[in-house]
Amino acid sequence: MTGDEAGLQRFAPEVDRPHDEIRRLQRHIDRQRRANNPGNYHPDGRAKKGCRNWVRSLRQLRAERQLAEMHRYEADVRRQAHGRDTNFLLSKARVWRDDGVSLKALQKRYGRSVSVRASS
């Protein structure tokens, strides 16, 4: 048999999460939320429990939509990459064996990388 091949490739290499931009947007949204709702926070900065009247400004809504769009686009690229990789592996494999490692175990061990590249 000459069909035995082995290879190593990065999983979903085109999926790229802009961590700095996401963190900047999240901080921006948090600052807007605190500015719009000063009565919903304790003096030490913690949110008051049971507050239901949260005001959201138009700029805050726009920033939230921008953050949601970034996450949606990343999920779409990840879904396409997983489909392409799965089709490639199935075209090469005669027998498919799963090692049985759960997604939670991978997240505990590799954290951020799994949250970006693996399914959520």
PDB file of N, CA and C in Angstrom:
ATOM      1  N   MET A   1       0.835  -1.193   0.000  1.00  0.00           N
ATOM      2  CA  MET A   1       0.000   0.000   0.000  1.00  0.00           C
ATOM      3  C   MET A   1       0.871   1.244   0.000  1.00  0.00           C
ATOM      4  N   THR A   2       0.630   2.085  -0.942  1.00  0.00           N
ATOM      5  CA  THR A   2       1.410   3.322  -1.025  1.00  0.00           C
ATOM      6  C   THR A   2       0.567   4.540  -0.685  1.00  0.00           C
ATOM      7  N   GLY A   3      -0.650   4.342  -0.252  1.00  0.00           N
ATOM      8  CA  GLY A   3      -1.557   5.448   0.010  1.00  0.00           C
ATOM      9  C   GLY A   3      -1.495   5.992   1.423  1.00  0.00           C
ATOM     10  N   ASP A   4      -0.545   5.535   2.243  1.00  0.00           N
ATOM     11  CA  ASP A   4      -0.461   6.038   3.614  1.00  0.00           C
ATOM     12  C   ASP A   4       0.212   7.400   3.626  1.00  0.00           C
ATOM     13  N   GLU A   5      -0.530   8.393   4.060  1.00  0.00           N
ATOM     14  CA  GLU A   5      -0.007   9.747   4.127  1.00  0.00           C
ATOM     15  C   GLU A   5      -0.260  10.303   5.512  1.00  0.00           C
ATOM     16  N   ALA A   6       0.606  11.170   5.927  1.00  0.00           N
ATOM     17  CA  ALA A   6       0.419  11.877   7.193  1.00  0.00           C
ATOM     18  C   ALA A   6       0.741  13.340   6.951  1.00  0.00           C
ATOM     19  N   GLY A   7       0.086  14.181   7.692  1.00  0.00           N
ATOM     20  CA  GLY A   7       0.331  15.600   7.513  1.00  0.00           C
ATOM     21  C   GLY A   7      -0.024  16.370   8.761  1.00  0.00           C
ATOM     22  N   LEU A   8       0.453  17.585   8.805  1.00  0.00           N
ATOM     23  CA  LEU A   8       0.170  18.467   9.924  1.00  0.00           C
ATOM     24  C   LEU A   8      -0.186  19.826   9.343  1.00  0.00           C
ATOM     25  N   GLN A   9      -1.341  20.333   9.735  1.00  0.00           N
ATOM     26  CA  GLN A   9      -1.742  21.649   9.268  1.00  0.00           C
ATOM     27  C   GLN A   9      -2.460  22.366  10.393  1.00  0.00           C
ATOM     28  N   ARG A  10      -2.421  23.666  10.337  1.00  0.00           N
ATOM     29  CA  ARG A  10      -3.091  24.473  11.349  1.00  0.00           C
ATOM     30  C   ARG A  10      -4.596  24.418  11.105  1.00  0.00           C
ATOM     31  N   PHE A  11      -5.340  24.310  12.185  1.00  0.00           N
ATOM     32  CA  PHE A  11      -6.788  24.195  12.097  1.00  0.00           C
ATOM     33  C   PHE A  11      -7.392  25.570  11.857  1.00  0.00           C
ATOM     34  N   ALA A  12      -8.132  25.713  10.778  1.00  0.00           N
ATOM     35  CA  ALA A  12      -8.818  26.955  10.401  1.00  0.00           C
ATOM     36  C   ALA A  12      -7.866  28.158  10.436  1.00  0.00           C
ATOM     37  N   PRO A  13      -6.844  28.160   9.574  1.00  0.00           N
ATOM     38  CA  PRO A  13      -5.839  29.226   9.656  1.00  0.00           C
ATOM     39  C   PRO A  13      -6.351  30.620   9.278  1.00  0.00           C
ATOM     40  N   GLU A  14      -7.407  30.682   8.461  1.00  0.00           N
ATOM     41  CA  GLU A  14      -7.869  32.009   8.034  1.00  0.00           C
ATOM     42  C   GLU A  14      -8.753  32.696   9.069  1.00  0.00           C
ATOM     43  N   VAL A  15      -9.119  31.995  10.142  1.00  0.00           N
ATOM     44  CA  VAL A  15      -9.922  32.620  11.192  1.00  0.00           C
ATOM     45  C   VAL A  15      -8.988  33.474  12.036  1.00  0.00           C
ATOM     46  N   ASP A  16      -9.274  34.767  12.078  1.00  0.00           N
ATOM     47  CA  ASP A  16      -8.424  35.688  12.819  1.00  0.00           C
ATOM     48  C   ASP A  16      -9.316  36.569  13.677  1.00  0.00           C
ATOM     49  N   ARG A  17      -9.108  36.523  14.986  1.00  0.00           N
ATOM     50  CA  ARG A  17      -9.898  37.362  15.886  1.00  0.00           C
ATOM     51  C   ARG A  17      -9.079  38.589  16.251  1.00  0.00           C
ATOM     52  N   PRO A  18      -9.591  39.766  15.947  1.00  0.00           N
ATOM     53  CA  PRO A  18      -8.874  40.991  16.314  1.00  0.00           C
ATOM     54  C   PRO A  18      -9.086  41.295  17.807  1.00  0.00           C
ATOM     55  N   HIS A  19      -8.309  40.649  18.663  1.00  0.00           N
ATOM     56  CA  HIS A  19      -8.502  40.759  20.112  1.00  0.00           C
ATOM     57  C   HIS A  19      -8.441  42.207  20.589  1.00  0.00           C
ATOM     58  N   ASP A  20      -7.500  42.983  20.073  1.00  0.00           N
ATOM     59  CA  ASP A  20      -7.345  44.367  20.522  1.00  0.00           C
ATOM     60  C   ASP A  20      -8.558  45.221  20.168  1.00  0.00           C
ATOM     61  N   GLU A  21      -9.073  45.038  18.957  1.00  0.00           N
ATOM     62  CA  GLU A  21     -10.228  45.835  18.534  1.00  0.00           C
ATOM     63  C   GLU A  21     -11.490  45.436  19.307  1.00  0.00           C
ATOM     64  N   ILE A  22     -11.653  44.141  19.563  1.00  0.00           N
ATOM     65  CA  ILE A  22     -12.805  43.679  20.343  1.00  0.00           C
ATOM     66  C   ILE A  22     -12.738  44.223  21.756  1.00  0.00           C
ATOM     67  N   ARG A  23     -11.559  44.167  22.370  1.00  0.00           N
ATOM     68  CA  ARG A  23     -11.400  44.678  23.733  1.00  0.00           C
ATOM     69  C   ARG A  23     -11.679  46.178  23.769  1.00  0.00           C
ATOM     70  N   ARG A  24     -11.195  46.917  22.759  1.00  0.00           N
ATOM     71  CA  ARG A  24     -11.428  48.360  22.700  1.00  0.00           C
ATOM     72  C   ARG A  24     -12.916  48.670  22.579  1.00  0.00           C
ATOM     73  N   LEU A  25     -13.623  47.930  21.728  1.00  0.00           N
ATOM     74  CA  LEU A  25     -15.066  48.144  21.559  1.00  0.00           C
ATOM     75  C   LEU A  25     -15.830  47.794  22.832  1.00  0.00           C
ATOM     76  N   GLN A  26     -15.456  46.704  23.504  1.00  0.00           N
ATOM     77  CA  GLN A  26     -16.139  46.323  24.737  1.00  0.00           C
ATOM     78  C   GLN A  26     -15.959  47.382  25.823  1.00  0.00           C
ATOM     79  N   ARG A  27     -14.757  47.928  25.922  1.00  0.00           N
ATOM     80  CA  ARG A  27     -14.520  48.999  26.898  1.00  0.00           C
ATOM     81  C   ARG A  27     -15.308  50.248  26.526  1.00  0.00           C
ATOM     82  N   HIS A  28     -15.391  50.539  25.233  1.00  0.00           N
ATOM     83  CA  HIS A  28     -16.158  51.692  24.757  1.00  0.00           C
ATOM     84  C   HIS A  28     -17.637  51.538  25.126  1.00  0.00           C
ATOM     85  N   ILE A  29     -18.184  50.363  24.897  1.00  0.00           N
ATOM     86  CA  ILE A  29     -19.588  50.096  25.232  1.00  0.00           C
ATOM     87  C   ILE A  29     -19.811  50.192  26.729  1.00  0.00           C
ATOM     88  N   ASP A  30     -18.870  49.671  27.519  1.00  0.00           N
ATOM     89  CA  ASP A  30     -19.004  49.728  28.973  1.00  0.00           C
ATOM     90  C   ASP A  30     -18.982  51.178  29.468  1.00  0.00           C
ATOM     91  N   ARG A  31     -18.091  51.992  28.913  1.00  0.00           N
ATOM     92  CA  ARG A  31     -18.052  53.410  29.307  1.00  0.00           C
ATOM     93  C   ARG A  31     -19.360  54.111  28.948  1.00  0.00           C
ATOM     94  N   GLN A  32     -19.923  53.791  27.769  1.00  0.00           N
ATOM     95  CA  GLN A  32     -21.192  54.406  27.379  1.00  0.00           C
ATOM     96  C   GLN A  32     -22.318  53.955  28.303  1.00  0.00           C
ATOM     97  N   ARG A  33     -22.333  52.677  28.658  1.00  0.00           N
ATOM     98  CA  ARG A  33     -23.370  52.150  29.550  1.00  0.00           C
ATOM     99  C   ARG A  33     -23.303  52.834  30.913  1.00  0.00           C
ATOM    100  N   ARG A  34     -22.088  53.020  31.422  1.00  0.00           N
ATOM    101  CA  ARG A  34     -21.930  53.667  32.724  1.00  0.00           C
ATOM    102  C   ARG A  34     -22.312  55.151  32.659  1.00  0.00           C
ATOM    103  N   ALA A  35     -22.007  55.811  31.553  1.00  0.00           N
ATOM    104  CA  ALA A  35     -22.357  57.222  31.414  1.00  0.00           C
ATOM    105  C   ALA A  35     -23.864  57.410  31.283  1.00  0.00           C
ATOM    106  N   ASN A  36     -24.537  56.485  30.605  1.00  0.00           N
ATOM    107  CA  ASN A  36     -25.981  56.602  30.395  1.00  0.00           C
ATOM    108  C   ASN A  36     -26.791  56.178  31.610  1.00  0.00           C
ATOM    109  N   ASN A  37     -26.209  55.383  32.509  1.00  0.00           N
ATOM    110  CA  ASN A  37     -26.946  54.838  33.649  1.00  0.00           C
ATOM    111  C   ASN A  37     -26.164  55.002  34.947  1.00  0.00           C
ATOM    112  N   PRO A  38     -25.892  56.243  35.365  1.00  0.00           N
ATOM    113  CA  PRO A  38     -25.085  56.409  36.582  1.00  0.00           C
ATOM    114  C   PRO A  38     -25.798  55.919  37.843  1.00  0.00           C
ATOM    115  N   GLY A  39     -27.124  55.894  37.841  1.00  0.00           N
ATOM    116  CA  GLY A  39     -27.867  55.451  39.019  1.00  0.00           C
ATOM    117  C   GLY A  39     -27.913  53.939  39.182  1.00  0.00           C
ATOM    118  N   ASN A  40     -27.453  53.202  38.206  1.00  0.00           N
ATOM    119  CA  ASN A  40     -27.493  51.739  38.273  1.00  0.00           C
ATOM    120  C   ASN A  40     -26.201  51.131  38.797  1.00  0.00           C
ATOM    121  N   TYR A  41     -25.289  51.967  39.273  1.00  0.00           N
ATOM    122  CA  TYR A  41     -24.001  51.476  39.752  1.00  0.00           C
ATOM    123  C   TYR A  41     -23.743  51.959  41.174  1.00  0.00           C
ATOM    124  N   HIS A  42     -23.075  51.131  41.965  1.00  0.00           N
ATOM    125  CA  HIS A  42     -22.620  51.510  43.296  1.00  0.00           C
ATOM    126  C   HIS A  42     -21.434  52.458  43.155  1.00  0.00           C
ATOM    127  N   PRO A  43     -21.102  53.195  44.234  1.00  0.00           N
ATOM    128  CA  PRO A  43     -19.945  54.108  44.149  1.00  0.00           C
ATOM    129  C   PRO A  43     -18.618  53.404  43.828  1.00  0.00           C
ATOM    130  N   ASP A  44     -18.502  52.117  44.179  1.00  0.00           N
ATOM    131  CA  ASP A  44     -17.248  51.405  43.898  1.00  0.00           C
ATOM    132  C   ASP A  44     -17.201  50.835  42.479  1.00  0.00           C
ATOM    133  N   GLY A  45     -18.255  51.046  41.668  1.00  0.00           N
ATOM    134  CA  GLY A  45     -18.234  50.632  40.275  1.00  0.00           C
ATOM    135  C   GLY A  45     -19.019  49.370  39.965  1.00  0.00           C
ATOM    136  N   ARG A  46     -19.482  48.657  40.985  1.00  0.00           N
ATOM    137  CA  ARG A  46     -20.261  47.444  40.737  1.00  0.00           C
ATOM    138  C   ARG A  46     -21.679  47.813  40.312  1.00  0.00           C
ATOM    139  N   ALA A  47     -22.276  46.981  39.465  1.00  0.00           N
ATOM    140  CA  ALA A  47     -23.654  47.215  39.036  1.00  0.00           C
ATOM    141  C   ALA A  47     -24.606  46.855  40.166  1.00  0.00           C
ATOM    142  N   LYS A  48     -25.652  47.653  40.328  1.00  0.00           N
ATOM    143  CA  LYS A  48     -26.653  47.362  41.354  1.00  0.00           C
ATOM    144  C   LYS A  48     -27.499  46.183  40.919  1.00  0.00           C
ATOM    145  N   LYS A  49     -27.838  45.350  41.857  1.00  0.00           N
ATOM    146  CA  LYS A  49     -28.615  44.149  41.562  1.00  0.00           C
ATOM    147  C   LYS A  49     -30.076  44.524  41.334  1.00  0.00           C
ATOM    148  N   GLY A  50     -30.684  43.957  40.322  1.00  0.00           N
ATOM    149  CA  GLY A  50     -32.106  44.128  40.080  1.00  0.00           C
ATOM    150  C   GLY A  50     -32.481  45.369  39.291  1.00  0.00           C
ATOM    151  N   CYS A  51     -31.534  46.119  38.772  1.00  0.00           N
ATOM    152  CA  CYS A  51     -31.859  47.299  37.959  1.00  0.00           C
ATOM    153  C   CYS A  51     -32.363  46.844  36.598  1.00  0.00           C
ATOM    154  N   ARG A  52     -33.526  47.363  36.212  1.00  0.00           N
ATOM    155  CA  ARG A  52     -34.117  46.946  34.944  1.00  0.00           C
ATOM    156  C   ARG A  52     -34.288  48.098  33.963  1.00  0.00           C
ATOM    157  N   ASN A  53     -34.018  49.286  34.395  1.00  0.00           N
ATOM    158  CA  ASN A  53     -34.214  50.437  33.506  1.00  0.00           C
ATOM    159  C   ASN A  53     -32.865  50.904  32.972  1.00  0.00           C
ATOM    160  N   TRP A  54     -32.344  50.161  31.998  1.00  0.00           N
ATOM    161  CA  TRP A  54     -31.071  50.501  31.381  1.00  0.00           C
ATOM    162  C   TRP A  54     -31.334  51.333  30.131  1.00  0.00           C
ATOM    163  N   VAL A  55     -30.685  52.481  30.033  1.00  0.00           N
ATOM    164  CA  VAL A  55     -30.812  53.370  28.888  1.00  0.00           C
ATOM    165  C   VAL A  55     -29.656  53.072  27.938  1.00  0.00           C
ATOM    166  N   ARG A  56     -29.978  52.945  26.651  1.00  0.00           N
ATOM    167  CA  ARG A  56     -28.944  52.695  25.641  1.00  0.00           C
ATOM    168  C   ARG A  56     -29.015  53.794  24.595  1.00  0.00           C
ATOM    169  N   SER A  57     -27.943  54.518  24.436  1.00  0.00           N
ATOM    170  CA  SER A  57     -27.902  55.611  23.469  1.00  0.00           C
ATOM    171  C   SER A  57     -27.740  55.047  22.055  1.00  0.00           C
ATOM    172  N   LEU A  58     -27.969  55.903  21.077  1.00  0.00           N
ATOM    173  CA  LEU A  58     -27.838  55.477  19.682  1.00  0.00           C
ATOM    174  C   LEU A  58     -26.394  55.095  19.351  1.00  0.00           C
ATOM    175  N   ARG A  59     -25.442  55.837  19.906  1.00  0.00           N
ATOM    176  CA  ARG A  59     -24.035  55.500  19.665  1.00  0.00           C
ATOM    177  C   ARG A  59     -23.663  54.179  20.340  1.00  0.00           C
ATOM    178  N   GLN A  60     -24.238  53.929  21.504  1.00  0.00           N
ATOM    179  CA  GLN A  60     -23.985  52.650  22.168  1.00  0.00           C
ATOM    180  C   GLN A  60     -24.571  51.511  21.346  1.00  0.00           C
ATOM    181  N   LEU A  61     -25.774  51.693  20.822  1.00  0.00           N
ATOM    182  CA  LEU A  61     -26.384  50.668  19.975  1.00  0.00           C
ATOM    183  C   LEU A  61     -25.547  50.424  18.720  1.00  0.00           C
ATOM    184  N   ARG A  62     -25.006  51.506  18.152  1.00  0.00           N
ATOM    185  CA  ARG A  62     -24.167  51.356  16.968  1.00  0.00           C
ATOM    186  C   ARG A  62     -22.888  50.578  17.289  1.00  0.00           C
ATOM    187  N   ALA A  63     -22.286  50.853  18.440  1.00  0.00           N
ATOM    188  CA  ALA A  63     -21.076  50.129  18.844  1.00  0.00           C
ATOM    189  C   ALA A  63     -21.395  48.658  19.130  1.00  0.00           C
ATOM    190  N   GLU A  64     -22.546  48.387  19.735  1.00  0.00           N
ATOM    191  CA  GLU A  64     -22.953  47.002  20.000  1.00  0.00           C
ATOM    192  C   GLU A  64     -23.192  46.246  18.698  1.00  0.00           C
ATOM    193  N   ARG A  65     -23.806  46.924  17.711  1.00  0.00           N
ATOM    194  CA  ARG A  65     -24.014  46.292  16.408  1.00  0.00           C
ATOM    195  C   ARG A  65     -22.690  46.007  15.712  1.00  0.00           C
ATOM    196  N   GLN A  66     -21.740  46.925  15.848  1.00  0.00           N
ATOM    197  CA  GLN A  66     -20.425  46.725  15.244  1.00  0.00           C
ATOM    198  C   GLN A  66     -19.716  45.520  15.878  1.00  0.00           C
ATOM    199  N   LEU A  67     -19.812  45.381  17.196  1.00  0.00           N
ATOM    200  CA  LEU A  67     -19.208  44.239  17.886  1.00  0.00           C
ATOM    201  C   LEU A  67     -19.893  42.934  17.475  1.00  0.00           C
ATOM    202  N   ALA A  68     -21.222  42.963  17.384  1.00  0.00           N
ATOM    203  CA  ALA A  68     -21.957  41.762  16.972  1.00  0.00           C
ATOM    204  C   ALA A  68     -21.602  41.365  15.545  1.00  0.00           C
ATOM    205  N   GLU A  69     -21.409  42.347  14.673  1.00  0.00           N
ATOM    206  CA  GLU A  69     -21.031  42.061  13.285  1.00  0.00           C
ATOM    207  C   GLU A  69     -19.639  41.442  13.216  1.00  0.00           C
ATOM    208  N   MET A  70     -18.725  41.900  14.055  1.00  0.00           N
ATOM    209  CA  MET A  70     -17.386  41.315  14.084  1.00  0.00           C
ATOM    210  C   MET A  70     -17.458  39.844  14.494  1.00  0.00           C
ATOM    211  N   HIS A  71     -18.257  39.544  15.520  1.00  0.00           N
ATOM    212  CA  HIS A  71     -18.407  38.156  15.967  1.00  0.00           C
ATOM    213  C   HIS A  71     -19.125  37.303  14.910  1.00  0.00           C
ATOM    214  N   ARG A  72     -20.124  37.884  14.236  1.00  0.00           N
ATOM    215  CA  ARG A  72     -20.844  37.145  13.202  1.00  0.00           C
ATOM    216  C   ARG A  72     -19.918  36.797  12.040  1.00  0.00           C
ATOM    217  N   TYR A  73     -19.117  37.750  11.616  1.00  0.00           N
ATOM    218  CA  TYR A  73     -18.202  37.518  10.504  1.00  0.00           C
ATOM    219  C   TYR A  73     -17.173  36.445  10.865  1.00  0.00           C
ATOM    220  N   GLU A  74     -16.651  36.513  12.074  1.00  0.00           N
ATOM    221  CA  GLU A  74     -15.683  35.505  12.527  1.00  0.00           C
ATOM    222  C   GLU A  74     -16.316  34.117  12.539  1.00  0.00           C
ATOM    223  N   ALA A  75     -17.551  34.009  13.024  1.00  0.00           N
ATOM    224  CA  ALA A  75     -18.236  32.710  13.050  1.00  0.00           C
ATOM    225  C   ALA A  75     -18.483  32.193  11.639  1.00  0.00           C
ATOM    226  N   ASP A  76     -18.794  33.087  10.718  1.00  0.00           N
ATOM    227  CA  ASP A  76     -19.032  32.682   9.333  1.00  0.00           C
ATOM    228  C   ASP A  76     -17.756  32.147   8.682  1.00  0.00           C
ATOM    229  N   VAL A  77     -16.648  32.839   8.880  1.00  0.00           N
ATOM    230  CA  VAL A  77     -15.364  32.388   8.330  1.00  0.00           C
ATOM    231  C   VAL A  77     -14.970  31.053   8.962  1.00  0.00           C
ATOM    232  N   ARG A  78     -15.197  30.915  10.279  1.00  0.00           N
ATOM    233  CA  ARG A  78     -14.871  29.669  10.980  1.00  0.00           C
ATOM    234  C   ARG A  78     -15.711  28.513  10.442  1.00  0.00           C
ATOM    235  N   ARG A  79     -16.997  28.743  10.203  1.00  0.00           N
ATOM    236  CA  ARG A  79     -17.883  27.700   9.684  1.00  0.00           C
ATOM    237  C   ARG A  79     -17.426  27.240   8.297  1.00  0.00           C
ATOM    238  N   GLN A  80     -17.040  28.178   7.446  1.00  0.00           N
ATOM    239  CA  GLN A  80     -16.545  27.827   6.114  1.00  0.00           C
ATOM    240  C   GLN A  80     -15.242  27.041   6.192  1.00  0.00           C
ATOM    241  N   ALA A  81     -14.346  27.449   7.082  1.00  0.00           N
ATOM    242  CA  ALA A  81     -13.061  26.756   7.226  1.00  0.00           C
ATOM    243  C   ALA A  81     -13.261  25.335   7.742  1.00  0.00           C
ATOM    244  N   HIS A  82     -14.176  25.159   8.697  1.00  0.00           N
ATOM    245  CA  HIS A  82     -14.449  23.821   9.221  1.00  0.00           C
ATOM    246  C   HIS A  82     -15.021  22.918   8.133  1.00  0.00           C
ATOM    247  N   GLY A  83     -15.919  23.447   7.315  1.00  0.00           N
ATOM    248  CA  GLY A  83     -16.494  22.657   6.232  1.00  0.00           C
ATOM    249  C   GLY A  83     -15.437  22.245   5.221  1.00  0.00           C
ATOM    250  N   ARG A  84     -14.570  23.178   4.860  1.00  0.00           N
ATOM    251  CA  ARG A  84     -13.507  22.863   3.911  1.00  0.00           C
ATOM    252  C   ARG A  84     -12.543  21.819   4.476  1.00  0.00           C
ATOM    253  N   ASP A  85     -12.128  21.988   5.733  1.00  0.00           N
ATOM    254  CA  ASP A  85     -11.207  21.032   6.356  1.00  0.00           C
ATOM    255  C   ASP A  85     -11.845  19.660   6.501  1.00  0.00           C
ATOM    256  N   THR A  86     -13.121  19.613   6.870  1.00  0.00           N
ATOM    257  CA  THR A  86     -13.817  18.338   7.020  1.00  0.00           C
ATOM    258  C   THR A  86     -13.916  17.624   5.677  1.00  0.00           C
ATOM    259  N   ASN A  87     -14.266  18.347   4.619  1.00  0.00           N
ATOM    260  CA  ASN A  87     -14.353  17.730   3.298  1.00  0.00           C
ATOM    261  C   ASN A  87     -12.994  17.206   2.835  1.00  0.00           C
ATOM    262  N   PHE A  88     -11.933  17.952   3.119  1.00  0.00           N
ATOM    263  CA  PHE A  88     -10.596  17.502   2.747  1.00  0.00           C
ATOM    264  C   PHE A  88     -10.225  16.207   3.483  1.00  0.00           C
ATOM    265  N   LEU A  89     -10.488  16.190   4.793  1.00  0.00           N
ATOM    266  CA  LEU A  89     -10.145  14.996   5.575  1.00  0.00           C
ATOM    267  C   LEU A  89     -10.968  13.785   5.142  1.00  0.00           C
ATOM    268  N   LEU A  90     -12.241  13.988   4.882  1.00  0.00           N
ATOM    269  CA  LEU A  90     -13.087  12.868   4.470  1.00  0.00           C
ATOM    270  C   LEU A  90     -12.710  12.358   3.086  1.00  0.00           C
ATOM    271  N   SER A  91     -12.186  13.235   2.235  1.00  0.00           N
ATOM    272  CA  SER A  91     -11.765  12.776   0.910  1.00  0.00           C
ATOM    273  C   SER A  91     -10.496  11.936   0.992  1.00  0.00           C
ATOM    274  N   LYS A  92      -9.690  12.130   2.021  1.00  0.00           N
ATOM    275  CA  LYS A  92      -8.438  11.404   2.165  1.00  0.00           C
ATOM    276  C   LYS A  92      -8.566  10.147   3.029  1.00  0.00           C
ATOM    277  N   ALA A  93      -9.577  10.094   3.892  1.00  0.00           N
ATOM    278  CA  ALA A  93      -9.637   9.037   4.903  1.00  0.00           C
ATOM    279  C   ALA A  93     -10.401   7.821   4.405  1.00  0.00           C
ATOM    280  N   ARG A  94      -9.872   6.655   4.719  1.00  0.00           N
ATOM    281  CA  ARG A  94     -10.612   5.412   4.513  1.00  0.00           C
ATOM    282  C   ARG A  94     -11.373   5.057   5.784  1.00  0.00           C
ATOM    283  N   VAL A  95     -10.704   5.238   6.916  1.00  0.00           N
ATOM    284  CA  VAL A  95     -11.306   4.962   8.219  1.00  0.00           C
ATOM    285  C   VAL A  95     -11.172   6.219   9.062  1.00  0.00           C
ATOM    286  N   TRP A  96     -12.244   6.585   9.733  1.00  0.00           N
ATOM    287  CA  TRP A  96     -12.245   7.790  10.564  1.00  0.00           C
ATOM    288  C   TRP A  96     -12.414   7.380  12.009  1.00  0.00           C
ATOM    289  N   ARG A  97     -11.468   7.791  12.856  1.00  0.00           N
ATOM    290  CA  ARG A  97     -11.551   7.509  14.290  1.00  0.00           C
ATOM    291  C   ARG A  97     -11.474   8.824  15.041  1.00  0.00           C
ATOM    292  N   ASP A  98     -12.376   8.976  15.974  1.00  0.00           N
ATOM    293  CA  ASP A  98     -12.403  10.167  16.811  1.00  0.00           C
ATOM    294  C   ASP A  98     -11.695   9.831  18.119  1.00  0.00           C
ATOM    295  N   ASP A  99     -10.857  10.753  18.601  1.00  0.00           N
ATOM    296  CA  ASP A  99     -10.130  10.477  19.833  1.00  0.00           C
ATOM    297  C   ASP A  99     -10.984  10.673  21.075  1.00  0.00           C
ATOM    298  N   GLY A 100     -12.164  11.260  20.943  1.00  0.00           N
ATOM    299  CA  GLY A 100     -13.097  11.368  22.061  1.00  0.00           C
ATOM    300  C   GLY A 100     -12.818  12.506  23.026  1.00  0.00           C
ATOM    301  N   VAL A 101     -11.945  13.427  22.676  1.00  0.00           N
ATOM    302  CA  VAL A 101     -11.671  14.560  23.550  1.00  0.00           C
ATOM    303  C   VAL A 101     -12.814  15.553  23.420  1.00  0.00           C
ATOM    304  N   SER A 102     -13.371  15.945  24.542  1.00  0.00           N
ATOM    305  CA  SER A 102     -14.506  16.858  24.503  1.00  0.00           C
ATOM    306  C   SER A 102     -14.040  18.292  24.264  1.00  0.00           C
ATOM    307  N   LEU A 103     -14.967  19.123  23.776  1.00  0.00           N
ATOM    308  CA  LEU A 103     -14.654  20.523  23.517  1.00  0.00           C
ATOM    309  C   LEU A 103     -14.327  21.245  24.821  1.00  0.00           C
ATOM    310  N   LYS A 104     -15.014  20.885  25.911  1.00  0.00           N
ATOM    311  CA  LYS A 104     -14.737  21.518  27.204  1.00  0.00           C
ATOM    312  C   LYS A 104     -13.318  21.255  27.666  1.00  0.00           C
ATOM    313  N   ALA A 105     -12.839  20.017  27.467  1.00  0.00           N
ATOM    314  CA  ALA A 105     -11.470  19.683  27.861  1.00  0.00           C
ATOM    315  C   ALA A 105     -10.469  20.497  27.052  1.00  0.00           C
ATOM    316  N   LEU A 106     -10.731  20.663  25.766  1.00  0.00           N
ATOM    317  CA  LEU A 106      -9.838  21.474  24.933  1.00  0.00           C
ATOM    318  C   LEU A 106      -9.859  22.939  25.365  1.00  0.00           C
ATOM    319  N   GLN A 107     -11.046  23.451  25.723  1.00  0.00           N
ATOM    320  CA  GLN A 107     -11.145  24.837  26.154  1.00  0.00           C
ATOM    321  C   GLN A 107     -10.394  25.066  27.452  1.00  0.00           C
ATOM    322  N   LYS A 108     -10.440  24.083  28.360  1.00  0.00           N
ATOM    323  CA  LYS A 108      -9.706  24.230  29.617  1.00  0.00           C
ATOM    324  C   LYS A 108      -8.209  24.256  29.373  1.00  0.00           C
ATOM    325  N   ARG A 109      -7.759  23.490  28.411  1.00  0.00           N
ATOM    326  CA  ARG A 109      -6.320  23.379  28.174  1.00  0.00           C
ATOM    327  C   ARG A 109      -5.783  24.491  27.280  1.00  0.00           C
ATOM    328  N   TYR A 110      -6.532  24.843  26.229  1.00  0.00           N
ATOM    329  CA  TYR A 110      -6.015  25.790  25.245  1.00  0.00           C
ATOM    330  C   TYR A 110      -6.768  27.114  25.201  1.00  0.00           C
ATOM    331  N   GLY A 111      -7.832  27.252  25.945  1.00  0.00           N
ATOM    332  CA  GLY A 111      -8.543  28.509  26.138  1.00  0.00           C
ATOM    333  C   GLY A 111      -8.827  29.339  24.908  1.00  0.00           C
ATOM    334  N   ARG A 112      -8.087  30.409  24.732  1.00  0.00           N
ATOM    335  CA  ARG A 112      -8.365  31.397  23.705  1.00  0.00           C
ATOM    336  C   ARG A 112      -8.274  30.831  22.304  1.00  0.00           C
ATOM    337  N   SER A 113      -7.281  30.000  22.066  1.00  0.00           N
ATOM    338  CA  SER A 113      -7.089  29.446  20.729  1.00  0.00           C
ATOM    339  C   SER A 113      -8.293  28.604  20.311  1.00  0.00           C
ATOM    340  N   VAL A 114      -8.818  27.802  21.243  1.00  0.00           N
ATOM    341  CA  VAL A 114      -9.977  26.961  20.926  1.00  0.00           C
ATOM    342  C   VAL A 114     -11.215  27.828  20.744  1.00  0.00           C
ATOM    343  N   SER A 115     -11.322  28.897  21.525  1.00  0.00           N
ATOM    344  CA  SER A 115     -12.502  29.749  21.382  1.00  0.00           C
ATOM    345  C   SER A 115     -12.518  30.446  20.031  1.00  0.00           C
ATOM    346  N   VAL A 116     -11.342  30.653  19.430  1.00  0.00           N
ATOM    347  CA  VAL A 116     -11.275  31.307  18.119  1.00  0.00           C
ATOM    348  C   VAL A 116     -11.446  30.290  17.001  1.00  0.00           C
ATOM    349  N   ARG A 117     -10.775  29.158  17.066  1.00  0.00           N
ATOM    350  CA  ARG A 117     -10.698  28.233  15.942  1.00  0.00           C
ATOM    351  C   ARG A 117     -11.749  27.132  15.962  1.00  0.00           C
ATOM    352  N   ALA A 118     -12.163  26.678  17.136  1.00  0.00           N
ATOM    353  CA  ALA A 118     -13.098  25.563  17.211  1.00  0.00           C
ATOM    354  C   ALA A 118     -14.534  26.068  17.246  1.00  0.00           C
ATOM    355  N   SER A 119     -15.443  25.144  17.098  1.00  0.00           N
ATOM    356  CA  SER A 119     -16.855  25.541  17.135  1.00  0.00           C
ATOM    357  C   SER A 119     -17.237  25.953  18.544  1.00  0.00           C
ATOM    358  N   SER A 120     -18.218  26.821  18.651  1.00  0.00           N
ATOM    359  CA  SER A 120     -18.595  27.292  19.970  1.00  0.00           C
ATOM    360  C   SER A 120     -19.909  26.714  20.407  1.00  0.00           C
TER     361      SER A 120
END
